[in-house]
């Protein structure tokens, strides 16, 4: 499974459920454009 953005996580979940590889091709810059990821990581990790 290949995900072409950081905004969609369903590919990662589907790959984990089927025990197959998942590859992220992230084109965004999460440090500035998507700062909410840092807050998500604090909650889940």
Protein backbone atom coordinates (compact mmCIF):
# COMPACT_ATOMS: atom_id res chain seq x y z
CA UNK A 1 0.00 0.00 0.00
CA UNK A 2 1.34 3.45 -0.87
CA UNK A 3 0.03 6.65 0.73
CA UNK A 4 0.83 9.83 -1.17
CA UNK A 5 0.08 12.30 1.63
CA UNK A 6 0.41 12.66 5.38
CA UNK A 7 -3.23 13.67 5.73
CA UNK A 8 -4.72 10.24 5.04
CA UNK A 9 -3.98 7.37 7.42
CA UNK A 10 -6.38 4.70 6.14
CA UNK A 11 -3.71 3.09 3.94
CA UNK A 12 -1.49 2.52 6.97
CA UNK A 13 -4.35 0.98 8.92
CA UNK A 14 -5.39 -1.27 6.02
CA UNK A 15 -1.81 -2.43 5.49
CA UNK A 16 -1.41 -3.21 9.19
CA UNK A 17 -4.68 -5.18 9.23
CA UNK A 18 -3.59 -7.24 6.23
CA UNK A 19 0.04 -7.54 7.43
CA UNK A 20 1.44 -6.06 4.21
CA UNK A 21 4.01 -3.26 3.75
CA UNK A 22 2.95 0.38 3.76
CA UNK A 23 4.99 3.22 2.28
CA UNK A 24 4.45 6.92 2.95
CA UNK A 25 5.31 9.40 0.18
CA UNK A 26 4.88 12.60 2.16
CA UNK A 27 5.00 15.81 0.14
CA UNK A 28 3.90 18.19 2.88
CA UNK A 29 6.11 19.93 5.41
CA UNK A 30 4.52 19.00 8.77
CA UNK A 31 6.78 21.31 10.79
CA UNK A 32 5.09 24.48 9.58
CA UNK A 33 2.04 23.65 7.50
CA UNK A 34 0.57 20.86 9.61
CA UNK A 35 1.53 21.65 13.19
CA UNK A 36 -1.47 19.75 14.52
CA UNK A 37 0.45 16.48 13.95
CA UNK A 38 2.66 17.27 16.93
CA UNK A 39 -0.42 17.52 19.14
CA UNK A 40 -1.82 14.26 17.74
CA UNK A 41 1.45 12.47 18.53
CA UNK A 42 1.37 13.71 22.11
CA UNK A 43 -2.05 12.12 22.59
CA UNK A 44 -1.38 8.77 20.93
CA UNK A 45 2.32 8.16 21.62
